[in-house]
Amino acid sequence: MKTQLKERKMDEQKVIQALSQVEHPEIGSTLVDLGMVKDIQVEGDHVSLKLVLPMLGIPPAIRDYMINSLQQAVADQGVKVQVALAEMTPQERQRFFMMEQQNWKG
């Protein structure tokens, strides 16, 4: 029982580590560093998380790219990711825009 719990915890850490490597397509920072990934839940081979966007009206191509990138980050671990979308609070948005200015790739 203890071994299963330990393995599950390691798997959870691997998943979180993999998700933490996903970069924003236009900003030189990871989605986690930008405060865009929240509420990561790992249950067996299913992961659910919240992708928090500065505004829900961002271009679908960028939104879909980020969702696909998060899903691909853990695909090799046999994990399926369910992504819920949410909008940042004004404070989160302010922090995001400050980081965006500092790390813009364009």
N, C-alpha and C. Protein backbone atom coordinates (compact mmCIF):
# COMPACT_ATOMS: atom_id res chain seq x y z
N MET A 1 0.82 -1.19 0.00
CA MET A 1 0.00 0.00 0.00
C MET A 1 0.87 1.26 0.00
N LYS A 2 1.91 1.25 0.84
CA LYS A 2 2.82 2.40 0.93
C LYS A 2 3.55 2.60 -0.41
N THR A 3 3.94 1.49 -1.05
CA THR A 3 4.64 1.57 -2.33
C THR A 3 3.73 2.18 -3.40
N GLN A 4 2.47 1.78 -3.43
CA GLN A 4 1.53 2.34 -4.40
C GLN A 4 1.37 3.84 -4.20
N LEU A 5 1.28 4.26 -2.96
CA LEU A 5 1.14 5.68 -2.66
C LEU A 5 2.39 6.43 -3.10
N LYS A 6 3.55 5.85 -2.87
CA LYS A 6 4.82 6.46 -3.26
C LYS A 6 4.90 6.58 -4.78
N GLU A 7 4.52 5.50 -5.50
CA GLU A 7 4.55 5.51 -6.96
C GLU A 7 3.57 6.55 -7.51
N ARG A 8 2.39 6.61 -6.91
CA ARG A 8 1.39 7.58 -7.35
C ARG A 8 1.90 9.00 -7.16
N LYS A 9 2.56 9.26 -6.03
CA LYS A 9 3.10 10.58 -5.75
C LYS A 9 4.19 10.92 -6.77
N MET A 10 5.05 9.94 -7.11
CA MET A 10 6.09 10.17 -8.11
C MET A 10 5.47 10.46 -9.47
N ASP A 11 4.43 9.70 -9.82
CA ASP A 11 3.75 9.94 -11.10
C ASP A 11 3.16 11.35 -11.13
N GLU A 12 2.57 11.74 -10.03
CA GLU A 12 1.98 13.07 -9.93
C GLU A 12 3.06 14.14 -10.09
N GLN A 13 4.21 13.93 -9.47
CA GLN A 13 5.32 14.88 -9.61
C GLN A 13 5.81 14.94 -11.05
N LYS A 14 5.89 13.79 -11.73
CA LYS A 14 6.31 13.76 -13.13
C LYS A 14 5.35 14.54 -14.00
N VAL A 15 4.06 14.35 -13.76
CA VAL A 15 3.04 15.06 -14.53
C VAL A 15 3.16 16.56 -14.32
N ILE A 16 3.26 16.98 -13.08
CA ILE A 16 3.37 18.40 -12.77
C ILE A 16 4.65 18.98 -13.36
N GLN A 17 5.74 18.23 -13.29
CA GLN A 17 7.00 18.69 -13.86
C GLN A 17 6.88 18.85 -15.38
N ALA A 18 6.25 17.89 -16.04
CA ALA A 18 6.08 17.97 -17.50
C ALA A 18 5.21 19.16 -17.88
N LEU A 19 4.13 19.37 -17.16
CA LEU A 19 3.25 20.50 -17.44
C LEU A 19 3.97 21.83 -17.20
N SER A 20 4.88 21.84 -16.25
CA SER A 20 5.62 23.06 -15.91
C SER A 20 6.62 23.47 -16.98
N GLN A 21 6.85 22.62 -17.98
CA GLN A 21 7.79 22.92 -19.05
C GLN A 21 7.13 23.55 -20.27
N VAL A 22 5.81 23.58 -20.31
CA VAL A 22 5.09 24.06 -21.48
C VAL A 22 5.19 25.59 -21.57
N GLU A 23 5.74 26.06 -22.69
CA GLU A 23 5.92 27.51 -22.87
C GLU A 23 4.74 28.14 -23.60
N HIS A 24 4.53 29.40 -23.30
CA HIS A 24 3.53 30.20 -24.02
C HIS A 24 4.06 30.39 -25.45
N PRO A 25 3.21 30.31 -26.47
CA PRO A 25 3.69 30.41 -27.85
C PRO A 25 4.27 31.78 -28.22
N GLU A 26 3.92 32.83 -27.51
CA GLU A 26 4.39 34.17 -27.87
C GLU A 26 5.20 34.87 -26.79
N ILE A 27 5.28 34.24 -25.62
CA ILE A 27 5.99 34.85 -24.49
C ILE A 27 7.05 33.87 -24.02
N GLY A 28 8.24 34.35 -23.75
CA GLY A 28 9.34 33.48 -23.33
C GLY A 28 9.24 33.04 -21.89
N SER A 29 8.11 32.51 -21.50
CA SER A 29 7.89 31.98 -20.15
C SER A 29 6.96 30.78 -20.24
N THR A 30 7.00 29.95 -19.21
CA THR A 30 6.10 28.80 -19.20
C THR A 30 4.70 29.24 -18.77
N LEU A 31 3.73 28.43 -19.12
CA LEU A 31 2.35 28.73 -18.73
C LEU A 31 2.21 28.73 -17.21
N VAL A 32 2.95 27.85 -16.55
CA VAL A 32 2.91 27.80 -15.08
C VAL A 32 3.49 29.08 -14.49
N ASP A 33 4.66 29.51 -15.00
CA ASP A 33 5.28 30.74 -14.50
C ASP A 33 4.39 31.96 -14.72
N LEU A 34 3.63 31.95 -15.81
CA LEU A 34 2.74 33.06 -16.11
C LEU A 34 1.45 33.01 -15.29
N GLY A 35 1.29 31.98 -14.48
CA GLY A 35 0.09 31.85 -13.65
C GLY A 35 -1.12 31.37 -14.42
N MET A 36 -0.89 30.70 -15.54
CA MET A 36 -1.99 30.29 -16.41
C MET A 36 -2.48 28.86 -16.14
N VAL A 37 -1.74 28.08 -15.36
CA VAL A 37 -2.15 26.70 -15.07
C VAL A 37 -2.42 26.59 -13.58
N LYS A 38 -3.63 26.15 -13.26
CA LYS A 38 -4.04 26.06 -11.85
C LYS A 38 -4.82 24.78 -11.62
N ASP A 39 -4.97 24.47 -10.36
CA ASP A 39 -5.84 23.36 -9.92
C ASP A 39 -5.52 22.04 -10.62
N ILE A 40 -4.24 21.67 -10.67
CA ILE A 40 -3.85 20.40 -11.29
C ILE A 40 -4.27 19.26 -10.37
N GLN A 41 -5.05 18.35 -10.90
CA GLN A 41 -5.51 17.17 -10.16
C GLN A 41 -5.09 15.93 -10.95
N VAL A 42 -4.37 15.03 -10.30
CA VAL A 42 -3.93 13.79 -10.94
C VAL A 42 -4.65 12.64 -10.26
N GLU A 43 -5.41 11.89 -11.04
CA GLU A 43 -6.11 10.71 -10.53
C GLU A 43 -5.88 9.57 -11.51
N GLY A 44 -4.95 8.70 -11.16
CA GLY A 44 -4.62 7.60 -12.05
C GLY A 44 -4.03 8.13 -13.34
N ASP A 45 -4.65 7.76 -14.48
CA ASP A 45 -4.14 8.23 -15.77
C ASP A 45 -4.94 9.42 -16.30
N HIS A 46 -5.65 10.10 -15.42
CA HIS A 46 -6.42 11.28 -15.81
C HIS A 46 -5.90 12.50 -15.04
N VAL A 47 -5.72 13.57 -15.78
CA VAL A 47 -5.30 14.83 -15.18
C VAL A 47 -6.34 15.88 -15.56
N SER A 48 -6.74 16.66 -14.60
CA SER A 48 -7.60 17.79 -14.90
C SER A 48 -6.88 19.04 -14.40
N LEU A 49 -7.06 20.12 -15.14
CA LEU A 49 -6.44 21.38 -14.76
C LEU A 49 -7.26 22.52 -15.32
N LYS A 50 -6.93 23.69 -14.83
CA LYS A 50 -7.59 24.90 -15.29
C LYS A 50 -6.55 25.74 -16.03
N LEU A 51 -6.86 26.10 -17.28
CA LEU A 51 -6.03 27.03 -18.04
C LEU A 51 -6.68 28.40 -17.89
N VAL A 52 -5.97 29.28 -17.19
CA VAL A 52 -6.52 30.60 -16.86
C VAL A 52 -5.98 31.61 -17.87
N LEU A 53 -6.88 32.18 -18.64
CA LEU A 53 -6.52 33.09 -19.72
C LEU A 53 -6.70 34.54 -19.28
N PRO A 54 -5.88 35.46 -19.83
CA PRO A 54 -6.04 36.87 -19.46
C PRO A 54 -7.43 37.39 -19.82
N MET A 55 -7.97 36.85 -20.91
CA MET A 55 -9.35 37.14 -21.31
C MET A 55 -9.83 35.95 -22.13
N LEU A 56 -11.09 35.64 -22.03
CA LEU A 56 -11.60 34.46 -22.71
C LEU A 56 -11.64 34.63 -24.23
N GLY A 57 -11.56 35.86 -24.71
CA GLY A 57 -11.65 36.12 -26.14
C GLY A 57 -10.32 36.07 -26.89
N ILE A 58 -9.32 35.38 -26.36
CA ILE A 58 -8.05 35.30 -27.09
C ILE A 58 -8.26 34.49 -28.37
N PRO A 59 -7.41 34.68 -29.39
CA PRO A 59 -7.59 33.94 -30.64
C PRO A 59 -7.64 32.42 -30.40
N PRO A 60 -8.61 31.76 -31.02
CA PRO A 60 -8.75 30.31 -30.84
C PRO A 60 -7.48 29.53 -31.16
N ALA A 61 -6.72 29.98 -32.15
CA ALA A 61 -5.49 29.26 -32.53
C ALA A 61 -4.50 29.24 -31.37
N ILE A 62 -4.37 30.35 -30.66
CA ILE A 62 -3.44 30.41 -29.52
C ILE A 62 -3.98 29.58 -28.36
N ARG A 63 -5.27 29.73 -28.07
CA ARG A 63 -5.89 28.94 -27.00
C ARG A 63 -5.73 27.44 -27.27
N ASP A 64 -6.04 27.01 -28.49
CA ASP A 64 -5.95 25.60 -28.84
C ASP A 64 -4.51 25.10 -28.81
N TYR A 65 -3.58 25.95 -29.22
CA TYR A 65 -2.16 25.58 -29.18
C TYR A 65 -1.73 25.30 -27.74
N MET A 66 -2.15 26.15 -26.80
CA MET A 66 -1.77 25.95 -25.40
C MET A 66 -2.41 24.68 -24.84
N ILE A 67 -3.67 24.44 -25.15
CA ILE A 67 -4.34 23.22 -24.69
C ILE A 67 -3.63 21.99 -25.24
N ASN A 68 -3.36 21.99 -26.55
CA ASN A 68 -2.67 20.84 -27.16
C ASN A 68 -1.28 20.65 -26.58
N SER A 69 -0.58 21.74 -26.31
CA SER A 69 0.77 21.63 -25.74
C SER A 69 0.73 21.00 -24.35
N LEU A 70 -0.26 21.38 -23.55
CA LEU A 70 -0.40 20.78 -22.21
C LEU A 70 -0.72 19.29 -22.33
N GLN A 71 -1.58 18.93 -23.27
CA GLN A 71 -1.94 17.52 -23.45
C GLN A 71 -0.74 16.72 -23.95
N GLN A 72 0.02 17.27 -24.88
CA GLN A 72 1.18 16.57 -25.43
C GLN A 72 2.30 16.42 -24.41
N ALA A 73 2.40 17.35 -23.48
CA ALA A 73 3.48 17.32 -22.49
C ALA A 73 3.46 16.05 -21.65
N VAL A 74 2.29 15.47 -21.46
CA VAL A 74 2.18 14.27 -20.63
C VAL A 74 1.71 13.04 -21.41
N ALA A 75 1.57 13.18 -22.71
CA ALA A 75 1.07 12.07 -23.53
C ALA A 75 1.96 10.84 -23.43
N ASP A 76 3.28 11.02 -23.34
CA ASP A 76 4.20 9.88 -23.26
C ASP A 76 4.08 9.14 -21.93
N GLN A 77 3.43 9.73 -20.95
CA GLN A 77 3.20 9.06 -19.67
C GLN A 77 1.86 8.33 -19.65
N GLY A 78 1.18 8.33 -20.80
CA GLY A 78 -0.10 7.65 -20.89
C GLY A 78 -1.20 8.35 -20.11
N VAL A 79 -1.08 9.65 -19.99
CA VAL A 79 -2.03 10.43 -19.19
C VAL A 79 -2.89 11.27 -20.13
N LYS A 80 -4.17 11.32 -19.84
CA LYS A 80 -5.09 12.16 -20.60
C LYS A 80 -5.39 13.41 -19.77
N VAL A 81 -5.38 14.55 -20.45
CA VAL A 81 -5.57 15.82 -19.76
C VAL A 81 -6.90 16.45 -20.15
N GLN A 82 -7.67 16.79 -19.16
CA GLN A 82 -8.91 17.53 -19.37
C GLN A 82 -8.65 18.97 -18.94
N VAL A 83 -8.86 19.90 -19.85
CA VAL A 83 -8.56 21.31 -19.59
C VAL A 83 -9.85 22.11 -19.51
N ALA A 84 -10.04 22.79 -18.40
CA ALA A 84 -11.15 23.73 -18.24
C ALA A 84 -10.58 25.13 -18.43
N LEU A 85 -11.35 26.01 -19.02
CA LEU A 85 -10.90 27.38 -19.24
C LEU A 85 -11.51 28.31 -18.20
N ALA A 86 -10.72 29.29 -17.81
CA ALA A 86 -11.19 30.31 -16.86
C ALA A 86 -10.52 31.63 -17.22
N GLU A 87 -11.04 32.70 -16.69
CA GLU A 87 -10.48 34.03 -16.94
C GLU A 87 -9.75 34.52 -15.69
N MET A 88 -8.63 35.19 -15.92
CA MET A 88 -7.84 35.72 -14.81
C MET A 88 -8.60 36.81 -14.06
N THR A 89 -8.26 36.93 -12.79
CA THR A 89 -8.77 38.05 -12.00
C THR A 89 -8.00 39.31 -12.45
N PRO A 90 -8.48 40.50 -12.11
CA PRO A 90 -7.74 41.71 -12.48
C PRO A 90 -6.29 41.69 -11.96
N GLN A 91 -6.07 41.17 -10.75
CA GLN A 91 -4.71 41.12 -10.20
C GLN A 91 -3.84 40.13 -10.98
N GLU A 92 -4.40 38.98 -11.30
CA GLU A 92 -3.65 37.99 -12.09
C GLU A 92 -3.33 38.54 -13.46
N ARG A 93 -4.29 39.24 -14.08
CA ARG A 93 -4.10 39.81 -15.41
C ARG A 93 -2.98 40.86 -15.38
N GLN A 94 -2.95 41.68 -14.34
CA GLN A 94 -1.91 42.71 -14.23
C GLN A 94 -0.52 42.06 -14.15
N ARG A 95 -0.41 41.02 -13.32
CA ARG A 95 0.87 40.30 -13.19
C ARG A 95 1.25 39.66 -14.52
N PHE A 96 0.27 39.07 -15.21
CA PHE A 96 0.51 38.43 -16.50
C PHE A 96 1.04 39.45 -17.51
N PHE A 97 0.39 40.61 -17.62
CA PHE A 97 0.81 41.62 -18.59
C PHE A 97 2.21 42.17 -18.28
N MET A 98 2.56 42.27 -17.01
CA MET A 98 3.92 42.70 -16.65
C MET A 98 4.94 41.66 -17.12
N MET A 99 4.65 40.39 -16.89
CA MET A 99 5.56 39.33 -17.34
C MET A 99 5.60 39.26 -18.86
N GLU A 100 4.47 39.50 -19.50
CA GLU A 100 4.41 39.48 -20.96
C GLU A 100 5.35 40.54 -21.54
N GLN A 101 5.30 41.75 -20.99
CA GLN A 101 6.17 42.82 -21.48
C GLN A 101 7.64 42.48 -21.32
N GLN A 102 7.99 41.85 -20.21
CA GLN A 102 9.39 41.51 -19.94
C GLN A 102 9.90 40.37 -20.82
N ASN A 103 9.01 39.47 -21.24
CA ASN A 103 9.45 38.25 -21.91
C ASN A 103 8.90 38.06 -23.32
N TRP A 104 8.38 39.10 -23.94
CA TRP A 104 7.78 38.98 -25.27
C TRP A 104 8.81 38.49 -26.29
N LYS A 105 8.42 37.50 -27.08
CA LYS A 105 9.32 36.92 -28.08
C LYS A 105 9.37 37.75 -29.36
N GLY A 106 8.28 38.45 -29.68
CA GLY A 106 8.15 39.16 -30.95
C GLY A 106 9.02 40.32 -31.02
